[in-house]
């Protein structure tokens, strides 16, 4: 493991020779995000938590919020790739699917109304 510091941001990287591969991306531990007040959990797999940054390097695809973060967590576009999200603005709810990679497909292979997120 290598800890890079770029403009005071801490970035954790690994030698990709030691990181295996699965059908849901890099063989990294799953990240579980629990929504407050619910029993709902969103799993983030290696495809959405690790990014290849060179021929022999993979880094965590998250940014350290620092000592005084402005928000508790920020989910970026990289974490959202190949996940279906449903924003119910009227009820202030968010629905989400398991990574489509776990179903051996991607967003680009989907047709409308394939999954029910409720």
C-alpha atoms as a PDB file:
ATOM      1  CA  UNK A   1       0.000   0.000   0.000  1.00  0.00           C
ATOM      2  CA  UNK A   2       1.153   3.531  -0.749  1.00  0.00           C
ATOM      3  CA  UNK A   3      -0.272   6.714   0.753  1.00  0.00           C
ATOM      4  CA  UNK A   4       0.004   9.596  -1.706  1.00  0.00           C
ATOM      5  CA  UNK A   5      -0.438  13.191  -0.595  1.00  0.00           C
ATOM      6  CA  UNK A   6      -1.454  15.590  -3.362  1.00  0.00           C
ATOM      7  CA  UNK A   7      -2.404  19.152  -2.389  1.00  0.00           C
ATOM      8  CA  UNK A   8      -3.022  17.989   1.215  1.00  0.00           C
ATOM      9  CA  UNK A   9      -5.505  15.315   0.024  1.00  0.00           C
ATOM     10  CA  UNK A  10      -4.665  11.785   1.151  1.00  0.00           C
ATOM     11  CA  UNK A  11      -5.021   9.145  -1.540  1.00  0.00           C
ATOM     12  CA  UNK A  12      -4.598   5.452  -0.725  1.00  0.00           C
ATOM     13  CA  UNK A  13      -3.152   3.369  -3.558  1.00  0.00           C
ATOM     14  CA  UNK A  14      -2.080  -0.233  -4.022  1.00  0.00           C
ATOM     15  CA  UNK A  15       0.215  -2.132  -6.356  1.00  0.00           C
ATOM     16  CA  UNK A  16      -2.327  -3.604  -8.786  1.00  0.00           C
ATOM     17  CA  UNK A  17      -0.220  -6.762  -9.141  1.00  0.00           C
ATOM     18  CA  UNK A  18      -1.543  -7.744  -5.710  1.00  0.00           C
ATOM     19  CA  UNK A  19      -5.199  -6.848  -6.387  1.00  0.00           C
ATOM     20  CA  UNK A  20      -7.247  -9.645  -7.911  1.00  0.00           C
ATOM     21  CA  UNK A  21     -10.236  -9.265 -10.196  1.00  0.00           C
ATOM     22  CA  UNK A  22     -13.850 -10.444  -9.912  1.00  0.00           C
ATOM     23  CA  UNK A  23     -17.018  -9.997 -11.984  1.00  0.00           C
ATOM     24  CA  UNK A  24     -17.802  -6.956  -9.788  1.00  0.00           C
ATOM     25  CA  UNK A  25     -14.419  -5.298 -10.295  1.00  0.00           C
ATOM     26  CA  UNK A  26     -11.299  -5.282  -8.174  1.00  0.00           C
ATOM     27  CA  UNK A  27     -11.151  -7.920  -5.448  1.00  0.00           C
ATOM     28  CA  UNK A  28     -11.536  -5.326  -2.704  1.00  0.00           C
ATOM     29  CA  UNK A  29     -13.642  -5.535   0.456  1.00  0.00           C
ATOM     30  CA  UNK A  30     -17.265  -4.490  -0.016  1.00  0.00           C
ATOM     31  CA  UNK A  31     -18.229  -1.111   1.400  1.00  0.00           C
ATOM     32  CA  UNK A  32     -21.626  -1.084   3.105  1.00  0.00           C
ATOM     33  CA  UNK A  33     -23.516   2.190   3.466  1.00  0.00           C
ATOM     34  CA  UNK A  34     -26.518   2.096   5.790  1.00  0.00           C
ATOM     35  CA  UNK A  35     -29.283   4.656   5.387  1.00  0.00           C
ATOM     36  CA  UNK A  36     -30.258   6.230   8.722  1.00  0.00           C
ATOM     37  CA  UNK A  37     -33.594   5.175  10.178  1.00  0.00           C
ATOM     38  CA  UNK A  38     -33.945   2.223   7.794  1.00  0.00           C
ATOM     39  CA  UNK A  39     -32.659  -1.288   7.414  1.00  0.00           C
ATOM     40  CA  UNK A  40     -31.507  -0.473   3.865  1.00  0.00           C
ATOM     41  CA  UNK A  41     -27.900  -1.019   2.858  1.00  0.00           C
ATOM     42  CA  UNK A  42     -26.088  -0.054  -0.340  1.00  0.00           C
ATOM     43  CA  UNK A  43     -23.132  -2.281  -1.221  1.00  0.00           C
ATOM     44  CA  UNK A  44     -20.248  -0.751  -3.125  1.00  0.00           C
ATOM     45  CA  UNK A  45     -18.069  -3.328  -4.869  1.00  0.00           C
ATOM     46  CA  UNK A  46     -14.512  -3.010  -6.180  1.00  0.00           C
ATOM     47  CA  UNK A  47     -15.656  -1.690  -9.576  1.00  0.00           C
ATOM     48  CA  UNK A  48     -16.975   1.405  -7.792  1.00  0.00           C
ATOM     49  CA  UNK A  49     -14.452   1.685  -4.962  1.00  0.00           C
ATOM     50  CA  UNK A  50     -11.105   1.198  -6.742  1.00  0.00           C
ATOM     51  CA  UNK A  51      -9.812   3.051  -9.803  1.00  0.00           C
ATOM     52  CA  UNK A  52      -6.826   2.113 -11.957  1.00  0.00           C
ATOM     53  CA  UNK A  53      -4.476   5.096 -12.153  1.00  0.00           C
ATOM     54  CA  UNK A  54      -1.599   3.508 -14.025  1.00  0.00           C
ATOM     55  CA  UNK A  55      -0.247   0.238 -15.318  1.00  0.00           C
ATOM     56  CA  UNK A  56       0.651  -0.956 -11.818  1.00  0.00           C
ATOM     57  CA  UNK A  57      -1.464   1.176  -9.468  1.00  0.00           C
ATOM     58  CA  UNK A  58      -5.033   1.176  -8.177  1.00  0.00           C
ATOM     59  CA  UNK A  59      -6.364   3.759  -5.730  1.00  0.00           C
ATOM     60  CA  UNK A  60      -9.426   4.049  -3.543  1.00  0.00           C
ATOM     61  CA  UNK A  61     -11.991   6.094  -5.458  1.00  0.00           C
ATOM     62  CA  UNK A  62     -12.891   8.260  -2.469  1.00  0.00           C
ATOM     63  CA  UNK A  63     -11.555  11.608  -1.339  1.00  0.00           C
ATOM     64  CA  UNK A  64     -10.585  12.189   2.277  1.00  0.00           C
ATOM     65  CA  UNK A  65     -12.874  14.902   3.652  1.00  0.00           C
ATOM     66  CA  UNK A  66     -10.109  16.192   5.922  1.00  0.00           C
ATOM     67  CA  UNK A  67     -10.189  17.165   9.569  1.00  0.00           C
ATOM     68  CA  UNK A  68     -13.348  19.299   9.337  1.00  0.00           C
ATOM     69  CA  UNK A  69     -15.455  17.767   6.555  1.00  0.00           C
ATOM     70  CA  UNK A  70     -18.396  19.819   5.298  1.00  0.00           C
ATOM     71  CA  UNK A  71     -20.533  16.713   4.726  1.00  0.00           C
ATOM     72  CA  UNK A  72     -20.452  13.252   6.251  1.00  0.00           C
ATOM     73  CA  UNK A  73     -19.999  11.513   2.887  1.00  0.00           C
ATOM     74  CA  UNK A  74     -20.138  12.445  -0.769  1.00  0.00           C
ATOM     75  CA  UNK A  75     -21.050   9.824  -3.351  1.00  0.00           C
ATOM     76  CA  UNK A  76     -19.456  10.653  -6.675  1.00  0.00           C
ATOM     77  CA  UNK A  77     -20.149   9.627 -10.239  1.00  0.00           C
ATOM     78  CA  UNK A  78     -17.626   6.792 -10.001  1.00  0.00           C
ATOM     79  CA  UNK A  79     -19.588   5.169  -7.166  1.00  0.00           C
ATOM     80  CA  UNK A  80     -22.848   5.575  -9.112  1.00  0.00           C
ATOM     81  CA  UNK A  81     -21.671   3.839 -12.302  1.00  0.00           C
ATOM     82  CA  UNK A  82     -23.693   0.704 -13.117  1.00  0.00           C
ATOM     83  CA  UNK A  83     -26.132   1.260 -10.247  1.00  0.00           C
ATOM     84  CA  UNK A  84     -29.770   2.132 -10.781  1.00  0.00           C
ATOM     85  CA  UNK A  85     -31.081   4.964  -8.636  1.00  0.00           C
ATOM     86  CA  UNK A  86     -34.648   6.170  -8.346  1.00  0.00           C
ATOM     87  CA  UNK A  87     -35.236   9.628  -6.906  1.00  0.00           C
ATOM     88  CA  UNK A  88     -38.765  10.011  -5.520  1.00  0.00           C
ATOM     89  CA  UNK A  89     -38.908  13.768  -5.005  1.00  0.00           C
ATOM     90  CA  UNK A  90     -42.541  13.791  -3.883  1.00  0.00           C
ATOM     91  CA  UNK A  91     -41.797  11.436  -0.969  1.00  0.00           C
ATOM     92  CA  UNK A  92     -38.152  12.506  -0.453  1.00  0.00           C
ATOM     93  CA  UNK A  93     -36.960   8.946  -0.986  1.00  0.00           C
ATOM     94  CA  UNK A  94     -34.075   7.306  -2.786  1.00  0.00           C
ATOM     95  CA  UNK A  95     -34.275   3.804  -4.227  1.00  0.00           C
ATOM     96  CA  UNK A  96     -31.202   1.920  -5.393  1.00  0.00           C
ATOM     97  CA  UNK A  97     -30.277  -1.424  -6.878  1.00  0.00           C
ATOM     98  CA  UNK A  98     -27.432  -3.771  -6.224  1.00  0.00           C
ATOM     99  CA  UNK A  99     -24.625  -3.128  -8.704  1.00  0.00           C
ATOM    100  CA  UNK A 100     -25.678  -4.236 -12.158  1.00  0.00           C
ATOM    101  CA  UNK A 101     -22.279  -5.900 -12.458  1.00  0.00           C
ATOM    102  CA  UNK A 102     -23.461  -8.392  -9.810  1.00  0.00           C
ATOM    103  CA  UNK A 103     -26.206  -9.272 -12.307  1.00  0.00           C
ATOM    104  CA  UNK A 104     -23.555  -9.533 -15.035  1.00  0.00           C
ATOM    105  CA  UNK A 105     -24.844  -6.528 -16.961  1.00  0.00           C
ATOM    106  CA  UNK A 106     -24.220  -2.778 -17.175  1.00  0.00           C
ATOM    107  CA  UNK A 107     -26.349   0.343 -17.570  1.00  0.00           C
ATOM    108  CA  UNK A 108     -25.506   0.463 -21.271  1.00  0.00           C
ATOM    109  CA  UNK A 109     -27.112  -2.988 -21.726  1.00  0.00           C
ATOM    110  CA  UNK A 110     -30.437  -2.158 -20.055  1.00  0.00           C
ATOM    111  CA  UNK A 111     -33.848  -1.368 -21.416  1.00  0.00           C
ATOM    112  CA  UNK A 112     -36.431   0.687 -19.518  1.00  0.00           C
ATOM    113  CA  UNK A 113     -38.338  -0.850 -16.590  1.00  0.00           C
ATOM    114  CA  UNK A 114     -36.006  -3.822 -16.104  1.00  0.00           C
ATOM    115  CA  UNK A 115     -35.754  -3.482 -12.323  1.00  0.00           C
ATOM    116  CA  UNK A 116     -38.271  -2.420  -9.711  1.00  0.00           C
ATOM    117  CA  UNK A 117     -36.404  -0.384  -7.078  1.00  0.00           C
ATOM    118  CA  UNK A 118     -39.283  -0.072  -4.599  1.00  0.00           C
END
